[in-house]
Every structure is written in C-alpha cells, then in structure tokens.
Amino acid sequence: MSEISKEYIELIPNLFKNFQRLNQKSSHLTHLQNQILEFLFMNQHPLSIKQISEALNVPKQQMTDLIKRLMDQGFITKSQNRVDKRSFVIELTEQGKSLQQEKWTKIYQNFVDDLTKLN
C-alpha cells in the first residue's frame, strides 16, 4: 500500500506541470486574474470579494486591485448584494464567460493534440 501512495504523491507534480503546459498561452491574463475568473465560472453565481479572497487565499487588499482590472477589461461586474445591501458581489459578464469557455476549449485542444502524438 505504501508503494501506491508513494507513486501517487510522485504523480501530482507531474500532473501539475503537464496542466501548466496545456494551460500555457490559453489566456492573456495574469495567473491571479485567471484564478478569479475560473472560480467565478465554476461557481456559476455572484460572489462577494471576501468569498473569492478566502477561497483563493489572496489578501482582500490585493483582490480589490485585481477586481478593478478585470472590471476595466469587461470580464466581471460589481453590483450591490441583494441580501446584504452593505456589500457587493462580483459576477462574470458574457465576455468573461466566453473567455473562460474559449480558454478551456484551448486547454482541451492542447490535450487532444498531445494525445495524437502518442503511438
């Protein structure tokens, strides 16, 4: 059993490196900007800056600047929270959703291209 565990642990960095390579050039955004958009895309509903910050383990102060840049590029919107009027929620725009769908399509295509190289 310990041999299987060891092989599994050794596999994780290889998978991560391979995914990084597949993900390469799939987006023009920074790593953190991409993480924010991915997180919103996967959750499929508006989230507060605090929720995003805690989930991604990014300081709230740093999130504010990242959110502003993504808003300026038209990928997200910020609106008043309907439940708690004192706070705001972040949501993907159609442009942000399209960007994520295109990115994942490119990643999939890179993966398929790699598979075709196998014999």
N, C-alpha and C. Protein backbone atom coordinates (compact mmCIF):
# COMPACT_ATOMS: atom_id res chain seq x y z
N MET A 1 0.82 -1.20 0.00
CA MET A 1 0.00 0.00 0.00
C MET A 1 0.86 1.26 0.00
N SER A 2 1.97 1.24 0.71
CA SER A 2 2.81 2.44 0.76
C SER A 2 3.45 2.73 -0.59
N GLU A 3 3.69 1.71 -1.41
CA GLU A 3 4.25 1.91 -2.75
C GLU A 3 3.25 2.67 -3.64
N ILE A 4 1.99 2.31 -3.54
CA ILE A 4 0.95 3.01 -4.30
C ILE A 4 0.85 4.46 -3.86
N SER A 5 0.90 4.69 -2.57
CA SER A 5 0.84 6.06 -2.05
C SER A 5 2.02 6.88 -2.55
N LYS A 6 3.20 6.27 -2.53
CA LYS A 6 4.40 6.95 -2.99
C LYS A 6 4.27 7.32 -4.47
N GLU A 7 3.81 6.39 -5.29
CA GLU A 7 3.64 6.66 -6.72
C GLU A 7 2.60 7.76 -6.95
N TYR A 8 1.54 7.74 -6.17
CA TYR A 8 0.50 8.77 -6.30
C TYR A 8 1.06 10.15 -5.97
N ILE A 9 1.82 10.24 -4.89
CA ILE A 9 2.41 11.52 -4.47
C ILE A 9 3.40 12.00 -5.54
N GLU A 10 4.14 11.10 -6.14
CA GLU A 10 5.09 11.48 -7.18
C GLU A 10 4.37 11.92 -8.46
N LEU A 11 3.17 11.44 -8.67
CA LEU A 11 2.40 11.77 -9.86
C LEU A 11 1.86 13.21 -9.83
N ILE A 12 1.54 13.70 -8.65
CA ILE A 12 0.91 15.02 -8.51
C ILE A 12 1.73 16.13 -9.15
N PRO A 13 3.02 16.28 -8.85
CA PRO A 13 3.79 17.36 -9.50
C PRO A 13 3.83 17.22 -11.03
N ASN A 14 3.90 15.98 -11.50
CA ASN A 14 3.91 15.77 -12.95
C ASN A 14 2.60 16.22 -13.58
N LEU A 15 1.49 15.92 -12.94
CA LEU A 15 0.20 16.35 -13.45
C LEU A 15 0.10 17.87 -13.46
N PHE A 16 0.58 18.49 -12.39
CA PHE A 16 0.54 19.94 -12.30
C PHE A 16 1.37 20.58 -13.41
N LYS A 17 2.58 20.07 -13.63
CA LYS A 17 3.44 20.60 -14.68
C LYS A 17 2.79 20.41 -16.05
N ASN A 18 2.19 19.26 -16.26
CA ASN A 18 1.54 18.99 -17.54
C ASN A 18 0.36 19.93 -17.76
N PHE A 19 -0.42 20.17 -16.71
CA PHE A 19 -1.55 21.08 -16.84
C PHE A 19 -1.07 22.50 -17.10
N GLN A 20 -0.01 22.91 -16.45
CA GLN A 20 0.55 24.24 -16.69
C GLN A 20 0.94 24.40 -18.16
N ARG A 21 1.54 23.34 -18.71
CA ARG A 21 1.93 23.38 -20.12
C ARG A 21 0.71 23.45 -21.03
N LEU A 22 -0.33 22.67 -20.71
CA LEU A 22 -1.55 22.70 -21.51
C LEU A 22 -2.23 24.06 -21.42
N ASN A 23 -2.13 24.68 -20.26
CA ASN A 23 -2.77 25.96 -19.99
C ASN A 23 -2.00 27.14 -20.58
N GLN A 24 -0.74 26.89 -20.91
CA GLN A 24 0.13 27.95 -21.41
C GLN A 24 -0.48 28.61 -22.65
N LYS A 25 -0.44 29.89 -22.66
CA LYS A 25 -0.91 30.70 -23.79
C LYS A 25 -2.40 30.52 -24.07
N SER A 26 -3.16 29.99 -23.12
CA SER A 26 -4.60 29.87 -23.32
C SER A 26 -5.33 31.14 -22.91
N SER A 27 -4.60 32.06 -22.26
CA SER A 27 -5.20 33.32 -21.84
C SER A 27 -4.11 34.39 -21.72
N HIS A 28 -4.50 35.65 -21.92
CA HIS A 28 -3.55 36.76 -21.81
C HIS A 28 -3.54 37.37 -20.41
N LEU A 29 -4.33 36.82 -19.51
CA LEU A 29 -4.45 37.37 -18.16
C LEU A 29 -3.34 36.86 -17.25
N THR A 30 -3.16 37.54 -16.12
CA THR A 30 -2.21 37.06 -15.12
C THR A 30 -2.78 35.82 -14.45
N HIS A 31 -1.92 35.11 -13.75
CA HIS A 31 -2.33 33.88 -13.07
C HIS A 31 -3.48 34.16 -12.09
N LEU A 32 -3.35 35.20 -11.27
CA LEU A 32 -4.40 35.51 -10.29
C LEU A 32 -5.70 35.97 -10.95
N GLN A 33 -5.59 36.75 -12.01
CA GLN A 33 -6.79 37.17 -12.72
C GLN A 33 -7.51 35.95 -13.28
N ASN A 34 -6.74 35.04 -13.83
CA ASN A 34 -7.31 33.80 -14.35
C ASN A 34 -7.98 32.98 -13.25
N GLN A 35 -7.35 32.91 -12.09
CA GLN A 35 -7.93 32.17 -10.97
C GLN A 35 -9.28 32.75 -10.55
N ILE A 36 -9.36 34.06 -10.51
CA ILE A 36 -10.62 34.71 -10.13
C ILE A 36 -11.72 34.36 -11.13
N LEU A 37 -11.42 34.51 -12.40
CA LEU A 37 -12.42 34.20 -13.43
C LEU A 37 -12.81 32.73 -13.40
N GLU A 38 -11.84 31.85 -13.23
CA GLU A 38 -12.14 30.41 -13.14
C GLU A 38 -13.04 30.12 -11.95
N PHE A 39 -12.73 30.73 -10.82
CA PHE A 39 -13.52 30.49 -9.61
C PHE A 39 -14.96 30.95 -9.81
N LEU A 40 -15.13 32.12 -10.39
CA LEU A 40 -16.49 32.62 -10.67
C LEU A 40 -17.19 31.73 -11.69
N PHE A 41 -16.46 31.30 -12.71
CA PHE A 41 -17.01 30.44 -13.75
C PHE A 41 -17.49 29.11 -13.17
N MET A 42 -16.69 28.52 -12.31
CA MET A 42 -17.03 27.22 -11.72
C MET A 42 -18.19 27.33 -10.73
N ASN A 43 -18.31 28.47 -10.06
CA ASN A 43 -19.38 28.63 -9.07
C ASN A 43 -20.72 29.01 -9.70
N GLN A 44 -20.69 29.65 -10.85
CA GLN A 44 -21.90 29.97 -11.60
C GLN A 44 -22.91 30.88 -10.88
N HIS A 45 -22.44 31.65 -9.90
CA HIS A 45 -23.30 32.63 -9.26
C HIS A 45 -22.45 33.75 -8.66
N PRO A 46 -23.04 34.91 -8.43
CA PRO A 46 -22.27 36.04 -7.89
C PRO A 46 -21.68 35.71 -6.51
N LEU A 47 -20.48 36.23 -6.28
CA LEU A 47 -19.78 36.00 -5.01
C LEU A 47 -19.24 37.32 -4.49
N SER A 48 -19.09 37.40 -3.18
CA SER A 48 -18.51 38.61 -2.59
C SER A 48 -16.98 38.55 -2.74
N ILE A 49 -16.37 39.72 -2.66
CA ILE A 49 -14.91 39.77 -2.72
C ILE A 49 -14.32 38.94 -1.59
N LYS A 50 -14.94 38.98 -0.44
CA LYS A 50 -14.46 38.20 0.71
C LYS A 50 -14.50 36.70 0.40
N GLN A 51 -15.58 36.22 -0.21
CA GLN A 51 -15.67 34.80 -0.55
C GLN A 51 -14.58 34.39 -1.54
N ILE A 52 -14.35 35.22 -2.53
CA ILE A 52 -13.32 34.92 -3.53
C ILE A 52 -11.95 34.96 -2.88
N SER A 53 -11.72 35.99 -2.09
CA SER A 53 -10.44 36.17 -1.41
C SER A 53 -10.11 34.97 -0.51
N GLU A 54 -11.06 34.54 0.28
CA GLU A 54 -10.83 33.41 1.18
C GLU A 54 -10.64 32.10 0.41
N ALA A 55 -11.42 31.89 -0.63
CA ALA A 55 -11.32 30.65 -1.39
C ALA A 55 -9.99 30.52 -2.12
N LEU A 56 -9.49 31.65 -2.63
CA LEU A 56 -8.24 31.63 -3.38
C LEU A 56 -7.02 31.93 -2.53
N ASN A 57 -7.27 32.24 -1.26
CA ASN A 57 -6.20 32.55 -0.32
C ASN A 57 -5.36 33.74 -0.81
N VAL A 58 -6.07 34.78 -1.22
CA VAL A 58 -5.44 36.02 -1.69
C VAL A 58 -5.92 37.14 -0.76
N PRO A 59 -5.02 37.97 -0.25
CA PRO A 59 -5.44 39.05 0.65
C PRO A 59 -6.49 39.95 -0.01
N LYS A 60 -7.46 40.38 0.79
CA LYS A 60 -8.56 41.20 0.28
C LYS A 60 -8.04 42.50 -0.37
N GLN A 61 -6.98 43.07 0.19
CA GLN A 61 -6.42 44.30 -0.37
C GLN A 61 -5.91 44.06 -1.79
N GLN A 62 -5.30 42.93 -2.03
CA GLN A 62 -4.80 42.58 -3.36
C GLN A 62 -5.97 42.28 -4.31
N MET A 63 -7.02 41.69 -3.78
CA MET A 63 -8.20 41.36 -4.58
C MET A 63 -8.85 42.62 -5.15
N THR A 64 -8.86 43.68 -4.39
CA THR A 64 -9.51 44.92 -4.83
C THR A 64 -8.92 45.40 -6.14
N ASP A 65 -7.60 45.42 -6.24
CA ASP A 65 -6.94 45.86 -7.47
C ASP A 65 -7.20 44.87 -8.62
N LEU A 66 -7.14 43.59 -8.33
CA LEU A 66 -7.39 42.58 -9.37
C LEU A 66 -8.82 42.68 -9.90
N ILE A 67 -9.76 42.88 -9.00
CA ILE A 67 -11.17 43.01 -9.39
C ILE A 67 -11.35 44.24 -10.28
N LYS A 68 -10.72 45.35 -9.89
CA LYS A 68 -10.83 46.58 -10.68
C LYS A 68 -10.31 46.37 -12.10
N ARG A 69 -9.17 45.72 -12.22
CA ARG A 69 -8.59 45.46 -13.54
C ARG A 69 -9.50 44.58 -14.40
N LEU A 70 -10.08 43.55 -13.78
CA LEU A 70 -10.98 42.67 -14.52
C LEU A 70 -12.26 43.40 -14.93
N MET A 71 -12.72 44.31 -14.07
CA MET A 71 -13.89 45.12 -14.42
C MET A 71 -13.56 46.05 -15.58
N ASP A 72 -12.38 46.68 -15.53
CA ASP A 72 -11.95 47.60 -16.60
C ASP A 72 -11.86 46.89 -17.94
N GLN A 73 -11.54 45.60 -17.91
CA GLN A 73 -11.43 44.81 -19.14
C GLN A 73 -12.78 44.24 -19.59
N GLY A 74 -13.80 44.43 -18.76
CA GLY A 74 -15.14 43.99 -19.13
C GLY A 74 -15.45 42.52 -18.85
N PHE A 75 -14.64 41.86 -18.00
CA PHE A 75 -14.85 40.44 -17.72
C PHE A 75 -15.79 40.18 -16.55
N ILE A 76 -15.90 41.16 -15.65
CA ILE A 76 -16.77 40.99 -14.48
C ILE A 76 -17.54 42.29 -14.21
N THR A 77 -18.58 42.15 -13.41
CA THR A 77 -19.32 43.32 -12.93
C THR A 77 -19.36 43.25 -11.41
N LYS A 78 -19.55 44.40 -10.83
CA LYS A 78 -19.67 44.51 -9.38
C LYS A 78 -21.00 45.20 -9.11
N SER A 79 -21.83 44.56 -8.31
CA SER A 79 -23.14 45.14 -8.00
C SER A 79 -23.46 44.95 -6.53
N GLN A 80 -24.44 45.72 -6.07
CA GLN A 80 -24.82 45.65 -4.67
C GLN A 80 -25.43 44.27 -4.37
N ASN A 81 -25.04 43.72 -3.24
CA ASN A 81 -25.55 42.43 -2.78
C ASN A 81 -27.03 42.61 -2.41
N ARG A 82 -27.88 41.80 -2.99
CA ARG A 82 -29.32 41.93 -2.72
C ARG A 82 -29.68 41.50 -1.30
N VAL A 83 -28.88 40.60 -0.73
CA VAL A 83 -29.15 40.11 0.62
C VAL A 83 -28.61 41.08 1.67
N ASP A 84 -27.39 41.54 1.47
CA ASP A 84 -26.74 42.46 2.41
C ASP A 84 -26.38 43.73 1.64
N LYS A 85 -27.20 44.73 1.76
CA LYS A 85 -27.05 45.97 0.98
C LYS A 85 -25.73 46.71 1.27
N ARG A 86 -25.04 46.33 2.33
CA ARG A 86 -23.77 46.98 2.67
C ARG A 86 -22.60 46.42 1.87
N SER A 87 -22.79 45.29 1.22
CA SER A 87 -21.69 44.66 0.50
C SER A 87 -21.99 44.55 -1.00
N PHE A 88 -20.97 44.12 -1.74
CA PHE A 88 -21.07 43.98 -3.18
C PHE A 88 -20.78 42.54 -3.58
N VAL A 89 -21.28 42.16 -4.75
CA VAL A 89 -20.98 40.84 -5.30
C VAL A 89 -20.35 41.01 -6.68
N ILE A 90 -19.55 40.03 -7.04
CA ILE A 90 -18.84 40.03 -8.30
C ILE A 90 -19.45 38.92 -9.16
N GLU A 91 -19.61 39.24 -10.44
CA GLU A 91 -20.24 38.28 -11.36
C GLU A 91 -19.56 38.36 -12.73
N LEU A 92 -19.46 37.24 -13.40
CA LEU A 92 -18.89 37.23 -14.74
C LEU A 92 -19.84 37.89 -15.73
N THR A 93 -19.29 38.64 -16.65
CA THR A 93 -20.08 39.17 -17.77
C THR A 93 -20.11 38.08 -18.85
N GLU A 94 -20.87 38.32 -19.90
CA GLU A 94 -20.88 37.37 -21.02
C GLU A 94 -19.48 37.27 -21.62
N GLN A 95 -18.77 38.41 -21.67
CA GLN A 95 -17.40 38.40 -22.18
C GLN A 95 -16.50 37.53 -21.30
N GLY A 96 -16.67 37.62 -19.98
CA GLY A 96 -15.90 36.80 -19.05
C GLY A 96 -16.21 35.32 -19.20
N LYS A 97 -17.49 35.00 -19.37
CA LYS A 97 -17.89 33.60 -19.58
C LYS A 97 -17.30 33.06 -20.88
N SER A 98 -17.37 33.87 -21.93
CA SER A 98 -16.83 33.45 -23.23
C SER A 98 -15.33 33.22 -23.15
N LEU A 99 -14.64 34.11 -22.44
CA LEU A 99 -13.19 33.97 -22.28
C LEU A 99 -12.85 32.65 -21.60
N GLN A 100 -13.59 32.30 -20.56
CA GLN A 100 -13.33 31.04 -19.86
C GLN A 100 -13.66 29.84 -20.73
N GLN A 101 -14.75 29.90 -21.46
CA GLN A 101 -15.11 28.79 -22.35
C GLN A 101 -14.05 28.61 -23.43
N GLU A 102 -13.56 29.72 -23.99
CA GLU A 102 -12.50 29.64 -25.01
C GLU A 102 -11.22 29.06 -24.41
N LYS A 103 -10.90 29.49 -23.20
CA LYS A 103 -9.69 29.01 -22.54
C LYS A 103 -9.75 27.50 -22.34
N TRP A 104 -10.87 27.01 -21.83
CA TRP A 104 -10.99 25.58 -21.58
C TRP A 104 -11.04 24.79 -22.88
N THR A 105 -11.55 25.39 -23.94
CA THR A 105 -11.54 24.74 -25.25
C THR A 105 -10.09 24.61 -25.74
N LYS A 106 -9.29 25.67 -25.55
CA LYS A 106 -7.87 25.62 -25.94
C LYS A 106 -7.11 24.58 -25.13
N ILE A 107 -7.38 24.52 -23.83
CA ILE A 107 -6.72 23.52 -22.98
C ILE A 107 -7.07 22.12 -23.47
N TYR A 108 -8.34 21.90 -23.76
CA TYR A 108 -8.78 20.60 -24.26
C TYR A 108 -8.09 20.28 -25.59
N GLN A 109 -8.02 21.27 -26.48
CA GLN A 109 -7.38 21.05 -27.78
C GLN A 109 -5.90 20.72 -27.61
N ASN A 110 -5.21 21.43 -26.71
CA ASN A 110 -3.81 21.12 -26.42
C ASN A 110 -3.66 19.69 -25.92
N PHE A 111 -4.59 19.26 -25.09
CA PHE A 111 -4.57 17.90 -24.54
C PHE A 111 -4.77 16.88 -25.66
N VAL A 112 -5.75 17.14 -26.51
CA VAL A 112 -6.02 16.23 -27.63
C VAL A 112 -4.80 16.17 -28.57
N ASP A 113 -4.20 17.31 -28.83
CA ASP A 113 -3.00 17.35 -29.68
C ASP A 113 -1.89 16.49 -29.09
N ASP A 114 -1.74 16.57 -27.77
CA ASP A 114 -0.72 15.75 -27.11
C ASP A 114 -1.04 14.27 -27.24
N LEU A 115 -2.32 13.92 -27.12
CA LEU A 115 -2.72 12.51 -27.22
C LEU A 115 -2.44 11.95 -28.62
N THR A 116 -2.62 12.77 -29.64
CA THR A 116 -2.40 12.29 -31.00
C THR A 116 -0.92 11.99 -31.27
N LYS A 117 -0.05 12.53 -30.45
CA LYS A 117 1.38 12.29 -30.61
C LYS A 117 1.80 10.93 -30.04
N LEU A 118 0.92 10.35 -29.24
CA LEU A 118 1.24 9.04 -28.65
C LEU A 118 1.06 7.94 -29.70
N ASN A 119 1.86 6.90 -29.60
CA ASN A 119 1.67 5.79 -30.52
C ASN A 119 1.35 4.52 -29.78
